[in-house]
Amino acid sequence: SSYWIATLEEFGMKWVALPAALVIINDTMAYFFGITLGRTTLLPVISHGKTLEGFLGANLSTSLASYWMLQSRQDAIALAVAVSLVGP
Protein backbone atom coordinates (compact mmCIF):
# COMPACT_ATOMS: atom_id res chain seq x y z
CA SER A 1 0.00 0.00 0.00
CA SER A 2 2.92 2.36 0.55
CA TYR A 3 3.70 2.15 -3.19
CA TRP A 4 0.17 3.28 -4.09
CA ILE A 5 0.26 6.08 -1.53
CA ALA A 6 3.64 7.30 -2.83
CA THR A 7 2.34 7.14 -6.43
CA LEU A 8 -0.78 9.02 -5.41
CA GLU A 9 1.21 11.73 -3.68
CA GLU A 10 3.72 12.09 -6.51
CA PHE A 11 1.56 11.76 -9.63
CA GLY A 12 -2.02 12.26 -8.48
CA MET A 13 -5.16 10.14 -8.47
CA LYS A 14 -5.20 9.90 -12.26
CA TRP A 15 -2.24 7.49 -12.34
CA VAL A 16 -3.72 5.25 -9.67
CA ALA A 17 -7.31 5.04 -10.90
CA LEU A 18 -6.58 4.99 -14.65
CA PRO A 19 -4.69 1.67 -14.77
CA ALA A 20 -7.34 0.05 -12.56
CA ALA A 21 -10.11 1.35 -14.83
CA LEU A 22 -8.29 0.10 -17.93
CA VAL A 23 -7.90 -3.38 -16.44
CA ILE A 24 -11.65 -3.46 -15.77
CA ILE A 25 -12.39 -2.29 -19.33
CA ASN A 26 -9.94 -4.83 -20.76
CA ASP A 27 -11.45 -7.76 -18.85
CA THR A 28 -15.03 -6.75 -19.62
CA MET A 29 -14.42 -6.24 -23.32
CA ALA A 30 -12.38 -9.46 -23.61
CA TYR A 31 -15.36 -11.32 -22.19
CA PHE A 32 -17.83 -9.50 -24.46
CA PHE A 33 -15.83 -10.01 -27.67
CA GLY A 34 -14.91 -13.56 -26.70
CA ILE A 35 -18.52 -14.56 -26.11
CA THR A 36 -19.94 -12.81 -29.19
CA LEU A 37 -17.18 -13.32 -31.78
CA GLY A 38 -14.83 -15.87 -30.24
CA ARG A 39 -13.90 -18.82 -32.44
CA THR A 40 -10.11 -19.21 -32.26
CA THR A 41 -8.68 -20.41 -28.94
CA LEU A 42 -5.79 -18.24 -27.81
CA LEU A 43 -3.77 -20.56 -25.52
CA PRO A 44 -5.69 -23.77 -24.79
CA VAL A 45 -2.93 -25.09 -22.51
CA ILE A 46 -3.34 -22.16 -20.13
CA SER A 47 -7.06 -21.38 -20.50
CA HIS A 48 -9.51 -23.05 -22.83
CA GLY A 49 -11.93 -20.10 -22.63
CA LYS A 50 -9.68 -17.31 -23.91
CA THR A 51 -10.07 -16.50 -27.59
CA LEU A 52 -8.01 -14.53 -30.06
CA GLU A 53 -11.05 -12.43 -30.94
CA GLY A 54 -11.58 -11.57 -27.27
CA PHE A 55 -7.93 -10.62 -26.89
CA LEU A 56 -7.91 -8.38 -29.98
CA GLY A 57 -11.28 -6.80 -29.17
CA ALA A 58 -10.12 -6.04 -25.63
CA ASN A 59 -6.87 -4.57 -26.93
CA LEU A 60 -8.72 -2.25 -29.31
CA SER A 61 -11.28 -1.23 -26.68
CA THR A 62 -8.62 -0.58 -24.06
CA SER A 63 -6.60 1.50 -26.53
CA LEU A 64 -9.62 3.63 -27.42
CA ALA A 65 -10.64 4.08 -23.78
CA SER A 66 -7.08 4.98 -22.80
CA TYR A 67 -6.81 7.54 -25.58
CA TRP A 68 -10.18 9.03 -24.63
CA MET A 69 -9.21 9.29 -20.95
CA LEU A 70 -5.68 10.62 -21.42
CA GLN A 71 -5.97 12.70 -24.61
CA SER A 72 -2.30 11.87 -25.18
CA ARG A 73 -1.39 9.46 -27.94
CA GLN A 74 1.97 8.22 -26.62
CA ASP A 75 0.89 7.70 -23.01
CA ALA A 76 -2.38 6.11 -24.10
CA ILE A 77 -0.74 3.60 -26.42
CA ALA A 78 1.94 2.63 -23.90
CA LEU A 79 -0.54 2.16 -21.06
CA ALA A 80 -3.10 0.32 -23.19
CA VAL A 81 -0.49 -2.11 -24.56
CA ALA A 82 0.84 -2.80 -21.08
CA VAL A 83 -2.64 -3.45 -19.67
CA SER A 84 -3.71 -5.55 -22.67
CA LEU A 85 -0.63 -7.76 -22.60
CA VAL A 86 -0.36 -8.22 -18.85
CA GLY A 87 -4.12 -8.44 -18.18
CA PRO A 88 -4.84 -11.85 -19.72
PDB file of N, CA and C in Angstrom:
ATOM      1  N   SER A   1       0.812  -1.197   0.000  1.00  0.00           N
ATOM      2  CA  SER A   1       0.000   0.000   0.000  1.00  0.00           C
ATOM      3  C   SER A   1       0.859   1.267   0.000  1.00  0.00           C
ATOM      4  N   SER A   2       2.058   1.172   0.527  1.00  0.00           N
ATOM      5  CA  SER A   2       2.915   2.360   0.549  1.00  0.00           C
ATOM      6  C   SER A   2       3.307   2.781  -0.869  1.00  0.00           C
ATOM      7  N   TYR A   3       3.411   1.813  -1.792  1.00  0.00           N
ATOM      8  CA  TYR A   3       3.699   2.147  -3.189  1.00  0.00           C
ATOM      9  C   TYR A   3       2.564   2.971  -3.787  1.00  0.00           C
ATOM     10  N   TRP A   4       1.320   2.553  -3.544  1.00  0.00           N
ATOM     11  CA  TRP A   4       0.167   3.277  -4.093  1.00  0.00           C
ATOM     12  C   TRP A   4       0.049   4.669  -3.469  1.00  0.00           C
ATOM     13  N   ILE A   5       0.321   4.771  -2.191  1.00  0.00           N
ATOM     14  CA  ILE A   5       0.258   6.078  -1.531  1.00  0.00           C
ATOM     15  C   ILE A   5       1.335   7.001  -2.081  1.00  0.00           C
ATOM     16  N   ALA A   6       2.554   6.481  -2.273  1.00  0.00           N
ATOM     17  CA  ALA A   6       3.637   7.298  -2.834  1.00  0.00           C
ATOM     18  C   ALA A   6       3.306   7.714  -4.266  1.00  0.00           C
ATOM     19  N   THR A   7       2.747   6.810  -5.051  1.00  0.00           N
ATOM     20  CA  THR A   7       2.342   7.139  -6.427  1.00  0.00           C
ATOM     21  C   THR A   7       1.253   8.200  -6.417  1.00  0.00           C
ATOM     22  N   LEU A   8       0.297   8.047  -5.524  1.00  0.00           N
ATOM     23  CA  LEU A   8      -0.784   9.020  -5.412  1.00  0.00           C
ATOM     24  C   LEU A   8      -0.257  10.397  -5.032  1.00  0.00           C
ATOM     25  N   GLU A   9       0.658  10.447  -4.100  1.00  0.00           N
ATOM     26  CA  GLU A   9       1.212  11.726  -3.679  1.00  0.00           C
ATOM     27  C   GLU A   9       2.070  12.370  -4.761  1.00  0.00           C
ATOM     28  N   GLU A  10       2.811  11.544  -5.513  1.00  0.00           N
ATOM     29  CA  GLU A  10       3.722  12.091  -6.513  1.00  0.00           C
ATOM     30  C   GLU A  10       3.026  12.442  -7.827  1.00  0.00           C
ATOM     31  N   PHE A  11       2.144  11.575  -8.301  1.00  0.00           N
ATOM     32  CA  PHE A  11       1.558  11.763  -9.631  1.00  0.00           C
ATOM     33  C   PHE A  11       0.086  12.145  -9.626  1.00  0.00           C
ATOM     34  N   GLY A  12      -0.612  11.925  -8.553  1.00  0.00           N
ATOM     35  CA  GLY A  12      -2.017  12.259  -8.481  1.00  0.00           C
ATOM     36  C   GLY A  12      -2.903  11.037  -8.673  1.00  0.00           C
ATOM     37  N   MET A  13      -4.180  11.229  -8.416  1.00  0.00           N
ATOM     38  CA  MET A  13      -5.161  10.143  -8.466  1.00  0.00           C
ATOM     39  C   MET A  13      -5.299   9.551  -9.864  1.00  0.00           C
ATOM     40  N   LYS A  14      -5.042  10.345 -10.873  1.00  0.00           N
ATOM     41  CA  LYS A  14      -5.196   9.895 -12.255  1.00  0.00           C
ATOM     42  C   LYS A  14      -4.359   8.652 -12.535  1.00  0.00           C
ATOM     43  N   TRP A  15      -3.144   8.598 -12.039  1.00  0.00           N
ATOM     44  CA  TRP A  15      -2.238   7.492 -12.342  1.00  0.00           C
ATOM     45  C   TRP A  15      -2.424   6.301 -11.422  1.00  0.00           C
ATOM     46  N   VAL A  16      -3.346   6.404 -10.484  1.00  0.00           N
ATOM     47  CA  VAL A  16      -3.719   5.252  -9.666  1.00  0.00           C
ATOM     48  C   VAL A  16      -5.018   4.656 -10.187  1.00  0.00           C
ATOM     49  N   ALA A  17      -5.999   5.513 -10.466  1.00  0.00           N
ATOM     50  CA  ALA A  17      -7.310   5.044 -10.904  1.00  0.00           C
ATOM     51  C   ALA A  17      -7.327   4.625 -12.371  1.00  0.00           C
ATOM     52  N   LEU A  18      -6.551   5.286 -13.211  1.00  0.00           N
ATOM     53  CA  LEU A  18      -6.577   4.993 -14.649  1.00  0.00           C
ATOM     54  C   LEU A  18      -6.160   3.561 -14.972  1.00  0.00           C
ATOM     55  N   PRO A  19      -5.032   3.065 -14.470  1.00  0.00           N
ATOM     56  CA  PRO A  19      -4.693   1.670 -14.775  1.00  0.00           C
ATOM     57  C   PRO A  19      -5.736   0.677 -14.260  1.00  0.00           C
ATOM     58  N   ALA A  20      -6.302   0.944 -13.096  1.00  0.00           N
ATOM     59  CA  ALA A  20      -7.337   0.054 -12.565  1.00  0.00           C
ATOM     60  C   ALA A  20      -8.575   0.067 -13.465  1.00  0.00           C
ATOM     61  N   ALA A  21      -8.965   1.243 -13.930  1.00  0.00           N
ATOM     62  CA  ALA A  21     -10.114   1.348 -14.830  1.00  0.00           C
ATOM     63  C   ALA A  21      -9.840   0.644 -16.155  1.00  0.00           C
ATOM     64  N   LEU A  22      -8.624   0.751 -16.659  1.00  0.00           N
ATOM     65  CA  LEU A  22      -8.286   0.103 -17.926  1.00  0.00           C
ATOM     66  C   LEU A  22      -8.266  -1.420 -17.797  1.00  0.00           C
ATOM     67  N   VAL A  23      -7.856  -1.925 -16.654  1.00  0.00           N
ATOM     68  CA  VAL A  23      -7.900  -3.379 -16.442  1.00  0.00           C
ATOM     69  C   VAL A  23      -9.355  -3.861 -16.428  1.00  0.00           C
ATOM     70  N   ILE A  24     -10.225  -3.105 -15.800  1.00  0.00           N
ATOM     71  CA  ILE A  24     -11.652  -3.463 -15.769  1.00  0.00           C
ATOM     72  C   ILE A  24     -12.228  -3.433 -17.175  1.00  0.00           C
ATOM     73  N   ILE A  25     -11.921  -2.391 -17.939  1.00  0.00           N
ATOM     74  CA  ILE A  25     -12.387  -2.294 -19.326  1.00  0.00           C
ATOM     75  C   ILE A  25     -11.841  -3.446 -20.152  1.00  0.00           C
ATOM     76  N   ASN A  26     -10.568  -3.752 -19.992  1.00  0.00           N
ATOM     77  CA  ASN A  26      -9.937  -4.829 -20.756  1.00  0.00           C
ATOM     78  C   ASN A  26     -10.619  -6.171 -20.466  1.00  0.00           C
ATOM     79  N   ASP A  27     -10.824  -6.487 -19.208  1.00  0.00           N
ATOM     80  CA  ASP A  27     -11.453  -7.758 -18.851  1.00  0.00           C
ATOM     81  C   ASP A  27     -12.892  -7.845 -19.347  1.00  0.00           C
ATOM     82  N   THR A  28     -13.635  -6.761 -19.190  1.00  0.00           N
ATOM     83  CA  THR A  28     -15.027  -6.752 -19.618  1.00  0.00           C
ATOM     84  C   THR A  28     -15.148  -6.907 -21.125  1.00  0.00           C
ATOM     85  N   MET A  29     -14.338  -6.165 -21.856  1.00  0.00           N
ATOM     86  CA  MET A  29     -14.417  -6.237 -23.324  1.00  0.00           C
ATOM     87  C   MET A  29     -13.873  -7.555 -23.863  1.00  0.00           C
ATOM     88  N   ALA A  30     -12.878  -8.137 -23.198  1.00  0.00           N
ATOM     89  CA  ALA A  30     -12.384  -9.457 -23.612  1.00  0.00           C
ATOM     90  C   ALA A  30     -13.498 -10.489 -23.466  1.00  0.00           C
ATOM     91  N   TYR A  31     -14.236 -10.411 -22.384  1.00  0.00           N
ATOM     92  CA  TYR A  31     -15.364 -11.318 -22.188  1.00  0.00           C
ATOM     93  C   TYR A  31     -16.434 -11.094 -23.251  1.00  0.00           C
ATOM     94  N   PHE A  32     -16.788  -9.826 -23.482  1.00  0.00           N
ATOM     95  CA  PHE A  32     -17.826  -9.496 -24.464  1.00  0.00           C
ATOM     96  C   PHE A  32     -17.451  -9.976 -25.867  1.00  0.00           C
ATOM     97  N   PHE A  33     -16.255  -9.612 -26.326  1.00  0.00           N
ATOM     98  CA  PHE A  33     -15.831 -10.012 -27.667  1.00  0.00           C
ATOM     99  C   PHE A  33     -15.613 -11.525 -27.762  1.00  0.00           C
ATOM    100  N   GLY A  34     -15.119 -12.122 -26.695  1.00  0.00           N
ATOM    101  CA  GLY A  34     -14.906 -13.561 -26.700  1.00  0.00           C
ATOM    102  C   GLY A  34     -16.207 -14.340 -26.800  1.00  0.00           C
ATOM    103  N   ILE A  35     -17.220 -13.884 -26.072  1.00  0.00           N
ATOM    104  CA  ILE A  35     -18.525 -14.559 -26.109  1.00  0.00           C
ATOM    105  C   ILE A  35     -19.218 -14.340 -27.449  1.00  0.00           C
ATOM    106  N   THR A  36     -19.182 -13.112 -27.969  1.00  0.00           N
ATOM    107  CA  THR A  36     -19.938 -12.810 -29.188  1.00  0.00           C
ATOM    108  C   THR A  36     -19.221 -13.225 -30.476  1.00  0.00           C
ATOM    109  N   LEU A  37     -17.907 -13.060 -30.529  1.00  0.00           N
ATOM    110  CA  LEU A  37     -17.183 -13.325 -31.779  1.00  0.00           C
ATOM    111  C   LEU A  37     -16.162 -14.452 -31.671  1.00  0.00           C
ATOM    112  N   GLY A  38     -15.929 -14.943 -30.478  1.00  0.00           N
ATOM    113  CA  GLY A  38     -14.827 -15.875 -30.245  1.00  0.00           C
ATOM    114  C   GLY A  38     -14.962 -17.210 -30.958  1.00  0.00           C
ATOM    115  N   ARG A  39     -13.965 -17.539 -31.740  1.00  0.00           N
ATOM    116  CA  ARG A  39     -13.901 -18.824 -32.443  1.00  0.00           C
ATOM    117  C   ARG A  39     -12.541 -19.487 -32.239  1.00  0.00           C
ATOM    118  N   THR A  40     -11.472 -18.691 -32.292  1.00  0.00           N
ATOM    119  CA  THR A  40     -10.108 -19.215 -32.261  1.00  0.00           C
ATOM    120  C   THR A  40      -9.582 -19.188 -30.831  1.00  0.00           C
ATOM    121  N   THR A  41      -9.224 -20.342 -30.295  1.00  0.00           N
ATOM    122  CA  THR A  41      -8.684 -20.415 -28.945  1.00  0.00           C
ATOM    123  C   THR A  41      -7.293 -19.789 -28.916  1.00  0.00           C
ATOM    124  N   LEU A  42      -7.057 -18.971 -27.904  1.00  0.00           N
ATOM    125  CA  LEU A  42      -5.789 -18.245 -27.810  1.00  0.00           C
ATOM    126  C   LEU A  42      -4.667 -19.159 -27.307  1.00  0.00           C
ATOM    127  N   LEU A  43      -4.768 -19.657 -26.105  1.00  0.00           N
ATOM    128  CA  LEU A  43      -3.774 -20.561 -25.520  1.00  0.00           C
ATOM    129  C   LEU A  43      -4.510 -21.670 -24.765  1.00  0.00           C
ATOM    130  N   PRO A  44      -4.874 -22.742 -25.448  1.00  0.00           N
ATOM    131  CA  PRO A  44      -5.687 -23.775 -24.794  1.00  0.00           C
ATOM    132  C   PRO A  44      -4.984 -24.468 -23.629  1.00  0.00           C
ATOM    133  N   VAL A  45      -3.663 -24.459 -23.612  1.00  0.00           N
ATOM    134  CA  VAL A  45      -2.932 -25.092 -22.514  1.00  0.00           C
ATOM    135  C   VAL A  45      -3.138 -24.319 -21.214  1.00  0.00           C
ATOM    136  N   ILE A  46      -3.193 -23.005 -21.314  1.00  0.00           N
ATOM    137  CA  ILE A  46      -3.339 -22.157 -20.131  1.00  0.00           C
ATOM    138  C   ILE A  46      -4.807 -21.973 -19.758  1.00  0.00           C
ATOM    139  N   SER A  47      -5.636 -21.602 -20.741  1.00  0.00           N
ATOM    140  CA  SER A  47      -7.057 -21.380 -20.503  1.00  0.00           C
ATOM    141  C   SER A  47      -7.831 -21.713 -21.764  1.00  0.00           C
ATOM    142  N   HIS A  48      -8.748 -22.646 -21.652  1.00  0.00           N
ATOM    143  CA  HIS A  48      -9.511 -23.051 -22.828  1.00  0.00           C
ATOM    144  C   HIS A  48     -10.581 -22.034 -23.214  1.00  0.00           C
ATOM    145  N   GLY A  49     -10.876 -21.074 -22.351  1.00  0.00           N
ATOM    146  CA  GLY A  49     -11.928 -20.105 -22.634  1.00  0.00           C
ATOM    147  C   GLY A  49     -11.457 -18.821 -23.300  1.00  0.00           C
ATOM    148  N   LYS A  50     -10.183 -18.559 -23.306  1.00  0.00           N
ATOM    149  CA  LYS A  50      -9.680 -17.313 -23.907  1.00  0.00           C
ATOM    150  C   LYS A  50      -9.593 -17.471 -25.421  1.00  0.00           C
ATOM    151  N   THR A  51     -10.089 -16.442 -26.128  1.00  0.00           N
ATOM    152  CA  THR A  51     -10.070 -16.499 -27.591  1.00  0.00           C
ATOM    153  C   THR A  51      -9.247 -15.354 -28.158  1.00  0.00           C
ATOM    154  N   LEU A  52      -8.771 -15.565 -29.361  1.00  0.00           N
ATOM    155  CA  LEU A  52      -8.010 -14.533 -30.062  1.00  0.00           C
ATOM    156  C   LEU A  52      -8.886 -13.316 -30.318  1.00  0.00           C
ATOM    157  N   GLU A  53     -10.132 -13.540 -30.679  1.00  0.00           N
ATOM    158  CA  GLU A  53     -11.048 -12.425 -30.939  1.00  0.00           C
ATOM    159  C   GLU A  53     -11.303 -11.606 -29.675  1.00  0.00           C
ATOM    160  N   GLY A  54     -11.419 -12.282 -28.536  1.00  0.00           N
ATOM    161  CA  GLY A  54     -11.577 -11.569 -27.268  1.00  0.00           C
ATOM    162  C   GLY A  54     -10.352 -10.748 -26.917  1.00  0.00           C
ATOM    163  N   PHE A  55      -9.188 -11.323 -27.166  1.00  0.00           N
ATOM    164  CA  PHE A  55      -7.930 -10.618 -26.894  1.00  0.00           C
ATOM    165  C   PHE A  55      -7.792  -9.377 -27.773  1.00  0.00           C
ATOM    166  N   LEU A  56      -8.051  -9.522 -29.062  1.00  0.00           N
ATOM    167  CA  LEU A  56      -7.909  -8.384 -29.985  1.00  0.00           C
ATOM    168  C   LEU A  56      -8.983  -7.323 -29.735  1.00  0.00           C
ATOM    169  N   GLY A  57     -10.209  -7.748 -29.470  1.00  0.00           N
ATOM    170  CA  GLY A  57     -11.275  -6.795 -29.167  1.00  0.00           C
ATOM    171  C   GLY A  57     -10.999  -6.021 -27.896  1.00  0.00           C
ATOM    172  N   ALA A  58     -10.473  -6.711 -26.888  1.00  0.00           N
ATOM    173  CA  ALA A  58     -10.121  -6.043 -25.634  1.00  0.00           C
ATOM    174  C   ALA A  58      -8.980  -5.061 -25.841  1.00  0.00           C
ATOM    175  N   ASN A  59      -7.999  -5.448 -26.645  1.00  0.00           N
ATOM    176  CA  ASN A  59      -6.868  -4.565 -26.928  1.00  0.00           C
ATOM    177  C   ASN A  59      -7.340  -3.285 -27.611  1.00  0.00           C
ATOM    178  N   LEU A  60      -8.187  -3.421 -28.610  1.00  0.00           N
ATOM    179  CA  LEU A  60      -8.719  -2.249 -29.314  1.00  0.00           C
ATOM    180  C   LEU A  60      -9.553  -1.377 -28.378  1.00  0.00           C
ATOM    181  N   SER A  61     -10.419  -1.990 -27.602  1.00  0.00           N
ATOM    182  CA  SER A  61     -11.276  -1.234 -26.680  1.00  0.00           C
ATOM    183  C   SER A  61     -10.464  -0.518 -25.612  1.00  0.00           C
ATOM    184  N   THR A  62      -9.463  -1.193 -25.082  1.00  0.00           N
ATOM    185  CA  THR A  62      -8.618  -0.581 -24.058  1.00  0.00           C
ATOM    186  C   THR A  62      -7.814   0.576 -24.645  1.00  0.00           C
ATOM    187  N   SER A  63      -7.345   0.418 -25.869  1.00  0.00           N
ATOM    188  CA  SER A  63      -6.601   1.497 -26.527  1.00  0.00           C
ATOM    189  C   SER A  63      -7.488   2.722 -26.735  1.00  0.00           C
ATOM    190  N   LEU A  64      -8.698   2.505 -27.208  1.00  0.00           N
ATOM    191  CA  LEU A  64      -9.620   3.626 -27.424  1.00  0.00           C
ATOM    192  C   LEU A  64     -10.003   4.303 -26.109  1.00  0.00           C
ATOM    193  N   ALA A  65     -10.275   3.509 -25.084  1.00  0.00           N
ATOM    194  CA  ALA A  65     -10.636   4.082 -23.784  1.00  0.00           C
ATOM    195  C   ALA A  65      -9.463   4.855 -23.185  1.00  0.00           C
ATOM    196  N   SER A  66      -8.269   4.310 -23.324  1.00  0.00           N
ATOM    197  CA  SER A  66      -7.082   4.983 -22.795  1.00  0.00           C
ATOM    198  C   SER A  66      -6.842   6.307 -23.506  1.00  0.00           C
ATOM    199  N   TYR A  67      -6.989   6.305 -24.812  1.00  0.00           N
ATOM    200  CA  TYR A  67      -6.811   7.541 -25.575  1.00  0.00           C
ATOM    201  C   TYR A  67      -7.864   8.577 -25.184  1.00  0.00           C
ATOM    202  N   TRP A  68      -9.093   8.125 -25.007  1.00  0.00           N
ATOM    203  CA  TRP A  68     -10.180   9.033 -24.632  1.00  0.00           C
ATOM    204  C   TRP A  68      -9.938   9.622 -23.240  1.00  0.00           C
ATOM    205  N   MET A  69      -9.432   8.807 -22.321  1.00  0.00           N
ATOM    206  CA  MET A  69      -9.211   9.286 -20.953  1.00  0.00           C
ATOM    207  C   MET A  69      -7.992  10.185 -20.833  1.00  0.00           C
ATOM    208  N   LEU A  70      -6.936   9.873 -21.571  1.00  0.00           N
ATOM    209  CA  LEU A  70      -5.682  10.622 -21.423  1.00  0.00           C
ATOM    210  C   LEU A  70      -5.531  11.787 -22.392  1.00  0.00           C
ATOM    211  N   GLN A  71      -6.130  11.683 -23.566  1.00  0.00           N
ATOM    212  CA  GLN A  71      -5.973  12.697 -24.608  1.00  0.00           C
ATOM    213  C   GLN A  71      -4.504  12.882 -24.992  1.00  0.00           C
ATOM    214  N   SER A  72      -3.706  11.848 -24.824  1.00  0.00           N
ATOM    215  CA  SER A  72      -2.299  11.873 -25.181  1.00  0.00           C
ATOM    216  C   SER A  72      -1.977  10.570 -25.888  1.00  0.00           C
ATOM    217  N   ARG A  73      -1.563  10.656 -27.121  1.00  0.00           N
ATOM    218  CA  ARG A  73      -1.389   9.459 -27.938  1.00  0.00           C
ATOM    219  C   ARG A  73      -0.300   8.532 -27.408  1.00  0.00           C
ATOM    220  N   GLN A  74       0.851   9.065 -27.065  1.00  0.00           N
ATOM    221  CA  GLN A  74       1.969   8.222 -26.624  1.00  0.00           C
ATOM    222  C   GLN A  74       1.676   7.531 -25.296  1.00  0.00           C
ATOM    223  N   ASP A  75       1.197   8.289 -24.314  1.00  0.00           N
ATOM    224  CA  ASP A  75       0.886   7.700 -23.013  1.00  0.00           C
ATOM    225  C   ASP A  75      -0.239   6.677 -23.138  1.00  0.00           C
ATOM    226  N   ALA A  76      -1.236   6.995 -23.942  1.00  0.00           N
ATOM    227  CA  ALA A  76      -2.383   6.106 -24.096  1.00  0.00           C
ATOM    228  C   ALA A  76      -1.975   4.785 -24.717  1.00  0.00           C
ATOM    229  N   ILE A  77      -1.164   4.824 -25.752  1.00  0.00           N
ATOM    230  CA  ILE A  77      -0.737   3.598 -26.422  1.00  0.00           C
ATOM    231  C   ILE A  77       0.118   2.755 -25.480  1.00  0.00           C
ATOM    232  N   ALA A  78       1.056   3.366 -24.804  1.00  0.00           N
ATOM    233  CA  ALA A  78       1.936   2.625 -23.896  1.00  0.00           C
ATOM    234  C   ALA A  78       1.150   1.966 -22.768  1.00  0.00           C
ATOM    235  N   LEU A  79       0.241   2.705 -22.167  1.00  0.00           N
ATOM    236  CA  LEU A  79      -0.537   2.165 -21.057  1.00  0.00           C
ATOM    237  C   LEU A  79      -1.503   1.083 -21.526  1.00  0.00           C
ATOM    238  N   ALA A  80      -2.146   1.297 -22.665  1.00  0.00           N
ATOM    239  CA  ALA A  80      -3.097   0.316 -23.189  1.00  0.00           C
ATOM    240  C   ALA A  80      -2.406  -0.989 -23.575  1.00  0.00           C
ATOM    241  N   VAL A  81      -1.240  -0.893 -24.189  1.00  0.00           N
ATOM    242  CA  VAL A  81      -0.495  -2.108 -24.560  1.00  0.00           C
ATOM    243  C   VAL A  81      -0.066  -2.866 -23.304  1.00  0.00           C
ATOM    244  N   ALA A  82       0.410  -2.138 -22.315  1.00  0.00           N
ATOM    245  CA  ALA A  82       0.839  -2.797 -21.081  1.00  0.00           C
ATOM    246  C   ALA A  82      -0.332  -3.514 -20.408  1.00  0.00           C
ATOM    247  N   VAL A  83      -1.470  -2.850 -20.309  1.00  0.00           N
ATOM    248  CA  VAL A  83      -2.640  -3.455 -19.674  1.00  0.00           C
ATOM    249  C   VAL A  83      -3.153  -4.636 -20.490  1.00  0.00           C
ATOM    250  N   SER A  84      -3.185  -4.499 -21.811  1.00  0.00           N
ATOM    251  CA  SER A  84      -3.711  -5.554 -22.670  1.00  0.00           C
ATOM    252  C   SER A  84      -2.821  -6.787 -22.707  1.00  0.00           C
ATOM    253  N   LEU A  85      -1.529  -6.606 -22.574  1.00  0.00           N
ATOM    254  CA  LEU A  85      -0.628  -7.757 -22.596  1.00  0.00           C
ATOM    255  C   LEU A  85      -0.515  -8.438 -21.243  1.00  0.00           C
ATOM    256  N   VAL A  86      -0.521  -7.654 -20.190  1.00  0.00           N
ATOM    257  CA  VAL A  86      -0.365  -8.219 -18.845  1.00  0.00           C
ATOM    258  C   VAL A  86      -1.707  -8.720 -18.296  1.00  0.00           C
ATOM    259  N   GLY A  87      -2.801  -8.082 -18.688  1.00  0.00           N
ATOM    260  CA  GLY A  87      -4.120  -8.440 -18.177  1.00  0.00           C
ATOM    261  C   GLY A  87      -4.509  -9.901 -18.350  1.00  0.00           C
ATOM    262  N   PRO A  88      -4.417 -10.435 -19.541  1.00  0.00           N
ATOM    263  CA  PRO A  88      -4.836 -11.845 -19.717  1.00  0.00           C
ATOM    264  C   PRO A  88      -3.908 -12.803 -19.006  1.00  0.00           C
TER     265      PRO A  88
END
